[in-house]
PDB file of N, CA and C in Angstrom:
ATOM      1  N   UNK A   1      80.946 269.657  73.376  1.00  0.00           N
ATOM      2  CA  UNK A   1      81.912 268.730  72.564  1.00  0.00           C
ATOM      3  C   UNK A   1      81.603 267.363  72.903  1.00  0.00           C
ATOM      4  N   UNK A   2      81.148 266.998  74.263  1.00  0.00           N
ATOM      5  CA  UNK A   2      80.922 265.564  74.643  1.00  0.00           C
ATOM      6  C   UNK A   2      79.558 265.381  74.590  1.00  0.00           C
ATOM      7  N   UNK A   3      78.672 266.288  74.428  1.00  0.00           N
ATOM      8  CA  UNK A   3      77.305 266.246  74.317  1.00  0.00           C
ATOM      9  C   UNK A   3      76.577 265.707  75.484  1.00  0.00           C
ATOM     10  N   UNK A   4      77.323 265.960  76.820  1.00  0.00           N
ATOM     11  CA  UNK A   4      76.852 265.411  78.064  1.00  0.00           C
ATOM     12  C   UNK A   4      76.048 266.334  78.820  1.00  0.00           C
ATOM     13  N   UNK A   5      76.423 267.765  78.566  1.00  0.00           N
ATOM     14  CA  UNK A   5      75.889 268.899  79.389  1.00  0.00           C
ATOM     15  C   UNK A   5      75.892 270.224  78.547  1.00  0.00           C
ATOM     16  N   UNK A   6      75.078 271.186  78.800  1.00  0.00           N
ATOM     17  CA  UNK A   6      75.038 272.389  78.162  1.00  0.00           C
ATOM     18  C   UNK A   6      76.671 272.793  77.903  1.00  0.00           C
ATOM     19  N   UNK A   7      76.749 273.629  76.897  1.00  0.00           N
ATOM     20  CA  UNK A   7      78.188 274.011  76.428  1.00  0.00           C
ATOM     21  C   UNK A   7      78.149 275.423  77.099  1.00  0.00           C
ATOM     22  N   UNK A   8      78.579 275.563  78.389  1.00  0.00           N
ATOM     23  CA  UNK A   8      79.029 276.662  79.144  1.00  0.00           C
ATOM     24  C   UNK A   8      80.431 276.715  79.408  1.00  0.00           C
ATOM     25  N   UNK A   9      81.026 277.651  79.549  1.00  0.00           N
ATOM     26  CA  UNK A   9      82.560 277.670  79.686  1.00  0.00           C
ATOM     27  C   UNK A   9      83.058 276.780  80.714  1.00  0.00           C
ATOM     28  N   UNK A  10      82.523 276.713  81.915  1.00  0.00           N
ATOM     29  CA  UNK A  10      83.189 275.674  82.970  1.00  0.00           C
ATOM     30  C   UNK A  10      83.074 274.256  82.350  1.00  0.00           C
ATOM     31  N   UNK A  11      81.847 273.821  81.773  1.00  0.00           N
ATOM     32  CA  UNK A  11      81.864 272.610  81.283  1.00  0.00           C
ATOM     33  C   UNK A  11      82.807 272.449  80.131  1.00  0.00           C
ATOM     34  N   UNK A  12      83.044 273.253  79.088  1.00  0.00           N
ATOM     35  CA  UNK A  12      83.804 273.159  77.955  1.00  0.00           C
ATOM     36  C   UNK A  12      85.326 273.199  78.346  1.00  0.00           C
ATOM     37  N   UNK A  13      85.610 273.929  79.302  1.00  0.00           N
ATOM     38  CA  UNK A  13      87.336 274.135  79.631  1.00  0.00           C
ATOM     39  C   UNK A  13      87.626 273.289  80.890  1.00  0.00           C
ATOM     40  N   UNK A  14      86.499 272.593  81.796  1.00  0.00           N
ATOM     41  CA  UNK A  14      86.752 272.156  83.005  1.00  0.00           C
ATOM     42  C   UNK A  14      86.311 270.525  83.083  1.00  0.00           C
ATOM     43  N   UNK A  15      85.064 270.572  82.850  1.00  0.00           N
ATOM     44  CA  UNK A  15      84.202 269.353  83.170  1.00  0.00           C
ATOM     45  C   UNK A  15      84.143 268.382  81.975  1.00  0.00           C
ATOM     46  N   UNK A  16      84.161 268.771  80.773  1.00  0.00           N
ATOM     47  CA  UNK A  16      83.927 267.789  79.606  1.00  0.00           C
ATOM     48  C   UNK A  16      84.897 266.765  79.741  1.00  0.00           C
ATOM     49  N   UNK A  17      84.401 265.331  79.223  1.00  0.00           N
ATOM     50  CA  UNK A  17      85.195 264.279  79.618  1.00  0.00           C
ATOM     51  C   UNK A  17      86.372 264.396  78.627  1.00  0.00           C
ATOM     52  N   UNK A  18      86.457 265.058  77.480  1.00  0.00           N
ATOM     53  CA  UNK A  18      87.649 265.368  76.700  1.00  0.00           C
ATOM     54  C   UNK A  18      88.491 266.209  77.354  1.00  0.00           C
ATOM     55  N   UNK A  19      88.122 267.270  77.847  1.00  0.00           N
ATOM     56  CA  UNK A  19      88.897 268.330  78.749  1.00  0.00           C
ATOM     57  C   UNK A  19      89.496 267.642  79.818  1.00  0.00           C
ATOM     58  N   UNK A  20      88.783 266.839  80.634  1.00  0.00           N
ATOM     59  CA  UNK A  20      89.207 266.059  81.775  1.00  0.00           C
ATOM     60  C   UNK A  20      90.559 265.301  81.287  1.00  0.00           C
ATOM     61  N   UNK A  21      90.296 264.574  80.180  1.00  0.00           N
ATOM     62  CA  UNK A  21      91.374 263.712  79.860  1.00  0.00           C
ATOM     63  C   UNK A  21      92.526 264.493  79.780  1.00  0.00           C
ATOM     64  N   UNK A  22      92.638 265.855  78.738  1.00  0.00           N
ATOM     65  CA  UNK A  22      93.894 266.558  78.806  1.00  0.00           C
ATOM     66  C   UNK A  22      94.448 267.165  80.135  1.00  0.00           C
ATOM     67  N   UNK A  23      93.299 267.576  80.889  1.00  0.00           N
ATOM     68  CA  UNK A  23      93.850 268.140  82.249  1.00  0.00           C
ATOM     69  C   UNK A  23      94.659 266.954  83.036  1.00  0.00           C
ATOM     70  N   UNK A  24      94.127 265.794  83.011  1.00  0.00           N
ATOM     71  CA  UNK A  24      94.757 264.790  83.663  1.00  0.00           C
ATOM     72  C   UNK A  24      96.016 264.455  83.164  1.00  0.00           C
ATOM     73  N   UNK A  25      96.134 264.578  81.778  1.00  0.00           N
ATOM     74  CA  UNK A  25      97.435 264.108  81.245  1.00  0.00           C
ATOM     75  C   UNK A  25      98.641 265.130  81.953  1.00  0.00           C
ATOM     76  N   UNK A  26      98.196 266.512  81.626  1.00  0.00           N
ATOM     77  CA  UNK A  26      99.126 267.527  81.983  1.00  0.00           C
ATOM     78  C   UNK A  26      99.170 267.511  83.602  1.00  0.00           C
ATOM     79  N   UNK A  27      98.301 267.313  84.533  1.00  0.00           N
ATOM     80  CA  UNK A  27      98.570 267.279  85.841  1.00  0.00           C
ATOM     81  C   UNK A  27      99.374 266.050  86.255  1.00  0.00           C
ATOM     82  N   UNK A  28      99.253 265.055  85.484  1.00  0.00           N
ATOM     83  CA  UNK A  28     100.046 263.618  85.954  1.00  0.00           C
ATOM     84  C   UNK A  28     101.591 264.122  85.591  1.00  0.00           C
ATOM     85  N   UNK A  29     101.804 264.847  84.468  1.00  0.00           N
ATOM     86  CA  UNK A  29     103.200 265.153  84.075  1.00  0.00           C
ATOM     87  C   UNK A  29     103.882 265.837  85.242  1.00  0.00           C
ATOM     88  N   UNK A  30     102.932 267.024  85.755  1.00  0.00           N
ATOM     89  CA  UNK A  30     103.518 268.048  86.834  1.00  0.00           C
ATOM     90  C   UNK A  30     103.364 267.254  88.137  1.00  0.00           C
ATOM     91  N   UNK A  31     102.728 266.024  88.428  1.00  0.00           N
ATOM     92  CA  UNK A  31     102.844 265.531  89.841  1.00  0.00           C
ATOM     93  C   UNK A  31     101.712 266.137  90.440  1.00  0.00           C
ATOM     94  N   UNK A  32     100.600 266.394  90.089  1.00  0.00           N
ATOM     95  CA  UNK A  32      99.618 267.171  90.898  1.00  0.00           C
ATOM     96  C   UNK A  32      98.487 266.294  90.749  1.00  0.00           C
ATOM     97  N   UNK A  33      97.810 266.387  92.207  1.00  0.00           N
ATOM     98  CA  UNK A  33      96.448 265.559  92.239  1.00  0.00           C
ATOM     99  C   UNK A  33      95.460 266.650  92.873  1.00  0.00           C
ATOM    100  N   UNK A  34      94.395 266.809  92.203  1.00  0.00           N
ATOM    101  CA  UNK A  34      93.526 267.676  92.761  1.00  0.00           C
ATOM    102  C   UNK A  34      92.094 267.430  92.298  1.00  0.00           C
ATOM    103  N   UNK A  35      91.275 268.088  92.814  1.00  0.00           N
ATOM    104  CA  UNK A  35      89.777 268.151  92.366  1.00  0.00           C
ATOM    105  C   UNK A  35      89.440 269.489  91.504  1.00  0.00           C
ATOM    106  N   UNK A  36      89.043 269.283  90.097  1.00  0.00           N
ATOM    107  CA  UNK A  36      88.953 270.414  89.328  1.00  0.00           C
ATOM    108  C   UNK A  36      87.899 271.397  90.021  1.00  0.00           C
ATOM    109  N   UNK A  37      88.004 272.496  90.005  1.00  0.00           N
ATOM    110  CA  UNK A  37      87.032 273.567  90.703  1.00  0.00           C
ATOM    111  C   UNK A  37      85.995 273.618  89.854  1.00  0.00           C
ATOM    112  N   UNK A  38      85.004 274.320  90.441  1.00  0.00           N
ATOM    113  CA  UNK A  38      83.619 274.239  89.860  1.00  0.00           C
ATOM    114  C   UNK A  38      83.738 275.477  88.658  1.00  0.00           C
ATOM    115  N   UNK A  39      84.451 276.440  89.076  1.00  0.00           N
ATOM    116  CA  UNK A  39      84.311 277.531  87.839  1.00  0.00           C
ATOM    117  C   UNK A  39      85.773 277.753  87.111  1.00  0.00           C
ATOM    118  N   UNK A  40      85.763 278.479  85.948  1.00  0.00           N
ATOM    119  CA  UNK A  40      87.082 278.840  85.441  1.00  0.00           C
ATOM    120  C   UNK A  40      87.792 279.711  86.188  1.00  0.00           C
ATOM    121  N   UNK A  41      87.216 280.621  86.924  1.00  0.00           N
ATOM    122  CA  UNK A  41      87.564 281.799  87.687  1.00  0.00           C
ATOM    123  C   UNK A  41      88.319 280.969  88.820  1.00  0.00           C
ATOM    124  N   UNK A  42      87.870 280.164  89.494  1.00  0.00           N
ATOM    125  CA  UNK A  42      88.468 279.321  90.576  1.00  0.00           C
ATOM    126  C   UNK A  42      89.769 278.764  89.954  1.00  0.00           C
ATOM    127  N   UNK A  43      89.627 278.015  88.838  1.00  0.00           N
ATOM    128  CA  UNK A  43      90.717 277.282  88.182  1.00  0.00           C
ATOM    129  C   UNK A  43      92.103 278.147  88.187  1.00  0.00           C
ATOM    130  N   UNK A  44      91.867 279.341  87.545  1.00  0.00           N
ATOM    131  CA  UNK A  44      92.709 280.141  87.377  1.00  0.00           C
ATOM    132  C   UNK A  44      93.569 280.723  88.438  1.00  0.00           C
ATOM    133  N   UNK A  45      92.813 280.711  89.612  1.00  0.00           N
ATOM    134  CA  UNK A  45      93.293 281.043  90.704  1.00  0.00           C
ATOM    135  C   UNK A  45      94.161 280.023  91.435  1.00  0.00           C
ATOM    136  N   UNK A  46      93.891 278.724  91.154  1.00  0.00           N
ATOM    137  CA  UNK A  46      94.662 277.639  91.609  1.00  0.00           C
ATOM    138  C   UNK A  46      95.871 277.388  90.906  1.00  0.00           C
ATOM    139  N   UNK A  47      95.608 277.341  89.501  1.00  0.00           N
ATOM    140  CA  UNK A  47      96.556 277.096  88.440  1.00  0.00           C
ATOM    141  C   UNK A  47      97.909 277.835  88.577  1.00  0.00           C
ATOM    142  N   UNK A  48      97.913 279.241  88.950  1.00  0.00           N
ATOM    143  CA  UNK A  48      99.251 279.992  88.912  1.00  0.00           C
ATOM    144  C   UNK A  48     100.203 279.378  89.837  1.00  0.00           C
ATOM    145  N   UNK A  49      99.811 278.431  90.964  1.00  0.00           N
ATOM    146  CA  UNK A  49     100.869 278.087  91.818  1.00  0.00           C
ATOM    147  C   UNK A  49     101.400 276.748  91.290  1.00  0.00           C
ATOM    148  N   UNK A  50     100.891 276.151  90.308  1.00  0.00           N
ATOM    149  CA  UNK A  50     101.414 274.735  90.250  1.00  0.00           C
ATOM    150  C   UNK A  50     102.835 274.865  89.458  1.00  0.00           C
ATOM    151  N   UNK A  51     103.039 275.813  88.804  1.00  0.00           N
ATOM    152  CA  UNK A  51     104.496 275.740  88.328  1.00  0.00           C
ATOM    153  C   UNK A  51     105.567 276.028  89.208  1.00  0.00           C
ATOM    154  N   UNK A  52     105.347 276.582  90.168  1.00  0.00           N
ATOM    155  CA  UNK A  52     106.388 276.948  91.124  1.00  0.00           C
ATOM    156  C   UNK A  52     107.058 275.516  91.753  1.00  0.00           C
ATOM    157  N   UNK A  53     108.499 275.388  91.598  1.00  0.00           N
ATOM    158  CA  UNK A  53     109.326 274.429  91.809  1.00  0.00           C
ATOM    159  C   UNK A  53     110.490 274.974  92.646  1.00  0.00           C
ATOM    160  N   UNK A  54     111.148 274.067  93.237  1.00  0.00           N
ATOM    161  CA  UNK A  54     112.469 274.319  94.181  1.00  0.00           C
ATOM    162  C   UNK A  54     113.586 274.479  93.117  1.00  0.00           C
ATOM    163  N   UNK A  55     113.293 274.193  91.932  1.00  0.00           N
ATOM    164  CA  UNK A  55     114.360 274.119  90.984  1.00  0.00           C
ATOM    165  C   UNK A  55     114.743 275.771  90.389  1.00  0.00           C
ATOM    166  N   UNK A  56     116.132 275.631  90.207  1.00  0.00           N
ATOM    167  CA  UNK A  56     116.558 277.051  89.461  1.00  0.00           C
ATOM    168  C   UNK A  56     116.344 277.066  87.970  1.00  0.00           C
ATOM    169  N   UNK A  57     115.776 276.075  87.631  1.00  0.00           N
ATOM    170  CA  UNK A  57     115.493 276.016  86.189  1.00  0.00           C
ATOM    171  C   UNK A  57     114.184 276.928  85.828  1.00  0.00           C
ATOM    172  N   UNK A  58     114.547 278.031  85.062  1.00  0.00           N
ATOM    173  CA  UNK A  58     113.575 279.133  84.683  1.00  0.00           C
ATOM    174  C   UNK A  58     112.413 278.369  83.629  1.00  0.00           C
ATOM    175  N   UNK A  59     112.684 277.409  83.043  1.00  0.00           N
ATOM    176  CA  UNK A  59     111.632 277.036  81.965  1.00  0.00           C
ATOM    177  C   UNK A  59     110.408 276.325  82.773  1.00  0.00           C
ATOM    178  N   UNK A  60     110.694 275.798  83.950  1.00  0.00           N
ATOM    179  CA  UNK A  60     109.369 275.303  84.723  1.00  0.00           C
ATOM    180  C   UNK A  60     108.241 276.321  84.855  1.00  0.00           C
ATOM    181  N   UNK A  61     108.935 277.626  85.052  1.00  0.00           N
ATOM    182  CA  UNK A  61     108.019 278.628  85.422  1.00  0.00           C
ATOM    183  C   UNK A  61     106.911 278.763  84.149  1.00  0.00           C
ATOM    184  N   UNK A  62     107.365 278.674  82.834  1.00  0.00           N
ATOM    185  CA  UNK A  62     106.362 278.916  81.955  1.00  0.00           C
ATOM    186  C   UNK A  62     105.630 277.733  81.378  1.00  0.00           C
ATOM    187  N   UNK A  63     105.833 276.681  82.001  1.00  0.00           N
ATOM    188  CA  UNK A  63     105.086 275.492  81.636  1.00  0.00           C
ATOM    189  C   UNK A  63     103.662 275.619  81.972  1.00  0.00           C
ATOM    190  N   UNK A  64     103.157 275.933  83.240  1.00  0.00           N
ATOM    191  CA  UNK A  64     101.861 276.102  83.568  1.00  0.00           C
ATOM    192  C   UNK A  64     101.183 277.086  82.629  1.00  0.00           C
ATOM    193  N   UNK A  65     101.632 278.348  82.450  1.00  0.00           N
ATOM    194  CA  UNK A  65     101.040 279.276  81.565  1.00  0.00           C
ATOM    195  C   UNK A  65     100.913 278.623  80.021  1.00  0.00           C
ATOM    196  N   UNK A  66     101.884 277.945  79.578  1.00  0.00           N
ATOM    197  CA  UNK A  66     101.879 277.264  78.216  1.00  0.00           C
ATOM    198  C   UNK A  66     100.813 276.287  78.148  1.00  0.00           C
ATOM    199  N   UNK A  67     100.659 275.376  79.245  1.00  0.00           N
ATOM    200  CA  UNK A  67      99.709 274.255  79.425  1.00  0.00           C
ATOM    201  C   UNK A  67      98.428 274.897  79.362  1.00  0.00           C
ATOM    202  N   UNK A  68      98.277 275.948  80.128  1.00  0.00           N
ATOM    203  CA  UNK A  68      96.865 276.655  80.137  1.00  0.00           C
ATOM    204  C   UNK A  68      96.358 277.127  78.931  1.00  0.00           C
ATOM    205  N   UNK A  69      97.246 277.780  78.297  1.00  0.00           N
ATOM    206  CA  UNK A  69      96.923 278.515  76.917  1.00  0.00           C
ATOM    207  C   UNK A  69      96.817 277.370  75.874  1.00  0.00           C
ATOM    208  N   UNK A  70      97.681 276.218  75.882  1.00  0.00           N
ATOM    209  CA  UNK A  70      97.496 275.284  74.849  1.00  0.00           C
ATOM    210  C   UNK A  70      96.395 274.528  75.001  1.00  0.00           C
ATOM    211  N   UNK A  71      96.096 274.184  76.370  1.00  0.00           N
ATOM    212  CA  UNK A  71      94.782 273.366  76.386  1.00  0.00           C
ATOM    213  C   UNK A  71      93.595 274.032  75.925  1.00  0.00           C
ATOM    214  N   UNK A  72      93.500 275.328  76.446  1.00  0.00           N
ATOM    215  CA  UNK A  72      92.099 275.884  76.083  1.00  0.00           C
ATOM    216  C   UNK A  72      92.258 276.141  74.559  1.00  0.00           C
ATOM    217  N   UNK A  73      93.222 276.651  74.114  1.00  0.00           N
ATOM    218  CA  UNK A  73      93.289 277.044  72.432  1.00  0.00           C
ATOM    219  C   UNK A  73      92.843 275.498  71.766  1.00  0.00           C
ATOM    220  N   UNK A  74      93.522 274.490  72.140  1.00  0.00           N
ATOM    221  CA  UNK A  74      93.160 273.393  71.472  1.00  0.00           C
ATOM    222  C   UNK A  74      91.626 272.721  71.827  1.00  0.00           C
ATOM    223  N   UNK A  75      91.165 272.991  72.914  1.00  0.00           N
ATOM    224  CA  UNK A  75      89.595 272.710  73.151  1.00  0.00           C
ATOM    225  C   UNK A  75      88.804 273.576  72.188  1.00  0.00           C
ATOM    226  N   UNK A  76      89.295 274.907  72.148  1.00  0.00           N
ATOM    227  CA  UNK A  76      88.451 275.772  71.371  1.00  0.00           C
ATOM    228  C   UNK A  76      88.310 275.538  69.937  1.00  0.00           C
ATOM    229  N   UNK A  77      89.502 275.206  69.398  1.00  0.00           N
ATOM    230  CA  UNK A  77      89.729 274.802  68.204  1.00  0.00           C
ATOM    231  C   UNK A  77      88.895 273.381  67.796  1.00  0.00           C
ATOM    232  N   UNK A  78      89.023 272.427  68.621  1.00  0.00           N
ATOM    233  CA  UNK A  78      88.272 271.257  68.533  1.00  0.00           C
ATOM    234  C   UNK A  78      86.623 271.426  68.559  1.00  0.00           C
ATOM    235  N   UNK A  79      86.330 272.390  69.501  1.00  0.00           N
ATOM    236  CA  UNK A  79      84.803 272.810  69.613  1.00  0.00           C
ATOM    237  C   UNK A  79      84.474 273.333  68.400  1.00  0.00           C
ATOM    238  N   UNK A  80      85.307 274.313  67.652  1.00  0.00           N
ATOM    239  CA  UNK A  80      84.972 274.801  66.378  1.00  0.00           C
ATOM    240  C   UNK A  80      84.932 274.012  65.261  1.00  0.00           C
ATOM    241  N   UNK A  81      85.719 272.915  65.179  1.00  0.00           N
ATOM    242  CA  UNK A  81      85.852 271.961  64.346  1.00  0.00           C
ATOM    243  C   UNK A  81      84.525 270.865  64.343  1.00  0.00           C
ATOM    244  N   UNK A  82      84.069 270.835  65.397  1.00  0.00           N
ATOM    245  CA  UNK A  82      82.895 269.961  65.585  1.00  0.00           C
ATOM    246  C   UNK A  82      81.661 270.800  65.064  1.00  0.00           C
ATOM    247  N   UNK A  83      81.538 272.075  65.573  1.00  0.00           N
ATOM    248  CA  UNK A  83      80.345 272.981  65.290  1.00  0.00           C
ATOM    249  C   UNK A  83      80.191 273.424  63.973  1.00  0.00           C
ATOM    250  N   UNK A  84      81.188 273.623  63.119  1.00  0.00           N
ATOM    251  CA  UNK A  84      81.434 274.434  61.919  1.00  0.00           C
ATOM    252  C   UNK A  84      81.912 273.536  60.739  1.00  0.00           C
ATOM    253  N   UNK A  85      82.722 272.496  61.263  1.00  0.00           N
ATOM    254  CA  UNK A  85      83.115 271.633  59.941  1.00  0.00           C
ATOM    255  C   UNK A  85      82.554 270.316  60.129  1.00  0.00           C
ATOM    256  N   UNK A  86      81.816 269.778  61.311  1.00  0.00           N
ATOM    257  CA  UNK A  86      81.471 268.444  61.533  1.00  0.00           C
ATOM    258  C   UNK A  86      82.556 267.516  61.520  1.00  0.00           C
ATOM    259  N   UNK A  87      83.563 267.983  62.090  1.00  0.00           N
ATOM    260  CA  UNK A  87      84.631 267.039  62.314  1.00  0.00           C
ATOM    261  C   UNK A  87      84.989 266.854  63.761  1.00  0.00           C
ATOM    262  N   UNK A  88      85.061 265.464  63.990  1.00  0.00           N
ATOM    263  CA  UNK A  88      85.251 265.128  65.342  1.00  0.00           C
ATOM    264  C   UNK A  88      86.529 264.310  65.638  1.00  0.00           C
ATOM    265  N   UNK A  89      87.542 264.940  66.053  1.00  0.00           N
ATOM    266  CA  UNK A  89      88.882 264.068  66.181  1.00  0.00           C
ATOM    267  C   UNK A  89      88.615 263.287  67.441  1.00  0.00           C
ATOM    268  N   UNK A  90      89.425 262.096  67.415  1.00  0.00           N
ATOM    269  CA  UNK A  90      89.560 261.239  68.367  1.00  0.00           C
ATOM    270  C   UNK A  90      90.345 261.775  69.474  1.00  0.00           C
ATOM    271  N   UNK A  91      90.546 261.189  70.783  1.00  0.00           N
ATOM    272  CA  UNK A  91      91.321 261.862  71.875  1.00  0.00           C
ATOM    273  C   UNK A  91      92.762 261.794  71.569  1.00  0.00           C
ATOM    274  N   UNK A  92      93.193 260.765  70.996  1.00  0.00           N
ATOM    275  CA  UNK A  92      94.721 260.805  70.659  1.00  0.00           C
ATOM    276  C   UNK A  92      95.056 262.028  69.810  1.00  0.00           C
ATOM    277  N   UNK A  93      94.319 262.074  68.847  1.00  0.00           N
ATOM    278  CA  UNK A  93      94.403 263.389  67.960  1.00  0.00           C
ATOM    279  C   UNK A  93      94.454 264.593  68.626  1.00  0.00           C
ATOM    280  N   UNK A  94      93.689 264.643  69.595  1.00  0.00           N
ATOM    281  CA  UNK A  94      93.421 265.973  70.218  1.00  0.00           C
ATOM    282  C   UNK A  94      94.658 266.040  71.193  1.00  0.00           C
ATOM    283  N   UNK A  95      95.127 265.200  71.853  1.00  0.00           N
ATOM    284  CA  UNK A  95      96.225 265.185  72.630  1.00  0.00           C
ATOM    285  C   UNK A  95      97.608 265.547  71.745  1.00  0.00           C
ATOM    286  N   UNK A  96      97.701 264.829  70.789  1.00  0.00           N
ATOM    287  CA  UNK A  96      98.865 265.185  69.881  1.00  0.00           C
ATOM    288  C   UNK A  96      98.922 266.819  69.457  1.00  0.00           C
ATOM    289  N   UNK A  97      97.727 267.141  68.841  1.00  0.00           N
ATOM    290  CA  UNK A  97      97.479 268.687  68.703  1.00  0.00           C
ATOM    291  C   UNK A  97      97.800 269.457  69.732  1.00  0.00           C
ATOM    292  N   UNK A  98      97.603 269.066  71.098  1.00  0.00           N
ATOM    293  CA  UNK A  98      97.651 269.822  72.172  1.00  0.00           C
ATOM    294  C   UNK A  98      99.405 269.955  72.477  1.00  0.00           C
ATOM    295  N   UNK A  99      99.848 268.690  72.388  1.00  0.00           N
ATOM    296  CA  UNK A  99     101.326 268.606  72.803  1.00  0.00           C
ATOM    297  C   UNK A  99     102.187 269.204  71.663  1.00  0.00           C
ATOM    298  N   UNK A 100     101.697 269.110  70.293  1.00  0.00           N
ATOM    299  CA  UNK A 100     102.419 269.944  69.439  1.00  0.00           C
ATOM    300  C   UNK A 100     102.501 271.528  69.554  1.00  0.00           C
ATOM    301  N   UNK A 101     101.305 271.873  70.057  1.00  0.00           N
ATOM    302  CA  UNK A 101     101.171 273.447  70.279  1.00  0.00           C
ATOM    303  C   UNK A 101     102.124 273.748  71.566  1.00  0.00           C
ATOM    304  N   UNK A 102     102.043 272.819  72.476  1.00  0.00           N
ATOM    305  CA  UNK A 102     102.924 273.153  73.649  1.00  0.00           C
ATOM    306  C   UNK A 102     104.334 273.109  73.318  1.00  0.00           C
ATOM    307  N   UNK A 103     104.907 272.111  72.519  1.00  0.00           N
ATOM    308  CA  UNK A 103     106.201 272.203  71.944  1.00  0.00           C
ATOM    309  C   UNK A 103     106.348 273.333  71.359  1.00  0.00           C
ATOM    310  N   UNK A 104     105.751 273.787  70.422  1.00  0.00           N
ATOM    311  CA  UNK A 104     105.864 275.249  69.724  1.00  0.00           C
ATOM    312  C   UNK A 104     106.039 276.227  70.418  1.00  0.00           C
ATOM    313  N   UNK A 105     105.097 276.394  71.633  1.00  0.00           N
ATOM    314  CA  UNK A 105     105.227 277.639  72.533  1.00  0.00           C
ATOM    315  C   UNK A 105     106.740 277.399  73.539  1.00  0.00           C
ATOM    316  N   UNK A 106     106.990 275.996  73.910  1.00  0.00           N
ATOM    317  CA  UNK A 106     108.062 276.002  74.906  1.00  0.00           C
ATOM    318  C   UNK A 106     109.345 276.081  74.056  1.00  0.00           C
ATOM    319  N   UNK A 107     109.344 275.991  72.955  1.00  0.00           N
ATOM    320  CA  UNK A 107     110.719 275.753  72.152  1.00  0.00           C
ATOM    321  C   UNK A 107     111.375 277.022  72.211  1.00  0.00           C
ATOM    322  N   UNK A 108     110.476 278.270  72.194  1.00  0.00           N
ATOM    323  CA  UNK A 108     111.113 279.498  72.141  1.00  0.00           C
ATOM    324  C   UNK A 108     111.876 279.842  73.522  1.00  0.00           C
ATOM    325  N   UNK A 109     111.597 279.164  74.445  1.00  0.00           N
ATOM    326  CA  UNK A 109     112.424 279.554  75.689  1.00  0.00           C
ATOM    327  C   UNK A 109     113.411 278.364  76.036  1.00  0.00           C
ATOM    328  N   UNK A 110     113.184 277.284  75.234  1.00  0.00           N
ATOM    329  CA  UNK A 110     114.078 276.168  75.533  1.00  0.00           C
ATOM    330  C   UNK A 110     115.063 275.882  74.572  1.00  0.00           C
ATOM    331  N   UNK A 111     115.438 276.904  73.849  1.00  0.00           N
ATOM    332  CA  UNK A 111     116.273 276.735  72.724  1.00  0.00           C
ATOM    333  C   UNK A 111     117.636 275.790  73.080  1.00  0.00           C
ATOM    334  N   UNK A 112     118.003 274.742  72.354  1.00  0.00           N
ATOM    335  CA  UNK A 112     119.256 274.047  72.813  1.00  0.00           C
ATOM    336  C   UNK A 112     118.933 273.023  73.846  1.00  0.00           C
ATOM    337  N   UNK A 113     117.707 273.072  74.463  1.00  0.00           N
ATOM    338  CA  UNK A 113     117.343 272.112  75.439  1.00  0.00           C
ATOM    339  C   UNK A 113     116.318 271.179  75.155  1.00  0.00           C
ATOM    340  N   UNK A 114     116.258 270.702  73.796  1.00  0.00           N
ATOM    341  CA  UNK A 114     115.498 270.071  73.374  1.00  0.00           C
ATOM    342  C   UNK A 114     115.073 268.632  74.292  1.00  0.00           C
ATOM    343  N   UNK A 115     116.211 268.207  74.860  1.00  0.00           N
ATOM    344  CA  UNK A 115     116.161 266.875  75.830  1.00  0.00           C
ATOM    345  C   UNK A 115     115.090 267.321  76.964  1.00  0.00           C
ATOM    346  N   UNK A 116     115.270 268.431  77.404  1.00  0.00           N
ATOM    347  CA  UNK A 116     114.126 268.624  78.497  1.00  0.00           C
ATOM    348  C   UNK A 116     112.708 268.470  78.110  1.00  0.00           C
ATOM    349  N   UNK A 117     112.352 269.012  76.674  1.00  0.00           N
ATOM    350  CA  UNK A 117     110.992 268.744  76.430  1.00  0.00           C
ATOM    351  C   UNK A 117     110.697 267.285  76.080  1.00  0.00           C
ATOM    352  N   UNK A 118     111.779 266.666  75.525  1.00  0.00           N
ATOM    353  CA  UNK A 118     111.559 265.179  75.389  1.00  0.00           C
ATOM    354  C   UNK A 118     111.206 264.340  76.744  1.00  0.00           C
ATOM    355  N   UNK A 119     112.116 264.897  77.667  1.00  0.00           N
ATOM    356  CA  UNK A 119     111.717 264.380  78.990  1.00  0.00           C
ATOM    357  C   UNK A 119     110.304 264.402  79.560  1.00  0.00           C
ATOM    358  N   UNK A 120     110.165 265.759  79.318  1.00  0.00           N
ATOM    359  CA  UNK A 120     108.639 266.155  79.697  1.00  0.00           C
ATOM    360  C   UNK A 120     107.745 265.228  78.926  1.00  0.00           C
ATOM    361  N   UNK A 121     107.774 265.233  77.781  1.00  0.00           N
ATOM    362  CA  UNK A 121     106.726 264.314  76.856  1.00  0.00           C
ATOM    363  C   UNK A 121     106.826 262.796  77.227  1.00  0.00           C
ATOM    364  N   UNK A 122     108.144 262.398  77.612  1.00  0.00           N
ATOM    365  CA  UNK A 122     108.347 260.905  77.959  1.00  0.00           C
ATOM    366  C   UNK A 122     107.635 260.516  79.196  1.00  0.00           C
ATOM    367  N   UNK A 123     107.249 261.588  80.062  1.00  0.00           N
ATOM    368  CA  UNK A 123     106.467 261.433  81.341  1.00  0.00           C
ATOM    369  C   UNK A 123     105.038 261.196  80.983  1.00  0.00           C
ATOM    370  N   UNK A 124     104.547 261.136  79.720  1.00  0.00           N
ATOM    371  CA  UNK A 124     103.305 260.948  79.469  1.00  0.00           C
ATOM    372  C   UNK A 124     102.969 259.295  79.748  1.00  0.00           C
TER     373      UNK A 124
END
C-alpha cells in the first residue's frame, strides 16, 4: 500500500505508514502508548487487554474489537482499491472510511447513546 516494503501481513496490517497512522489515531483515543509488535499474532495478544476499563459502561468492552475489525477491514479494502481499481485514497478519506465503519458497528450496541460516540470521535 505504501510501496516501502514487501506486502506481507505484518507490514500491511501493522507497519505500513498508512496503517501506523490509523493505529495511532485509535491508540491516542484510548490513551494507550506502546511499540507496535513485530507480528500480527503478537498484536492480537496485546490488543485484547486494551479495552479493559474500571468503568461499568459495557460499551467500552466492544470498542477494541470493533477498532481491530474496522481497521483491518478498511486496510484490506484500501489495498484492493489500489491493486484492482488503481484508486489511491488520501489518508483523510481512509480515516473517514474507518470511522464511518466503526460508527456503524458501534451504533448497534450504543442505541440511544449517540453522545458517547460523538465524544469518542471528538477525541480525535
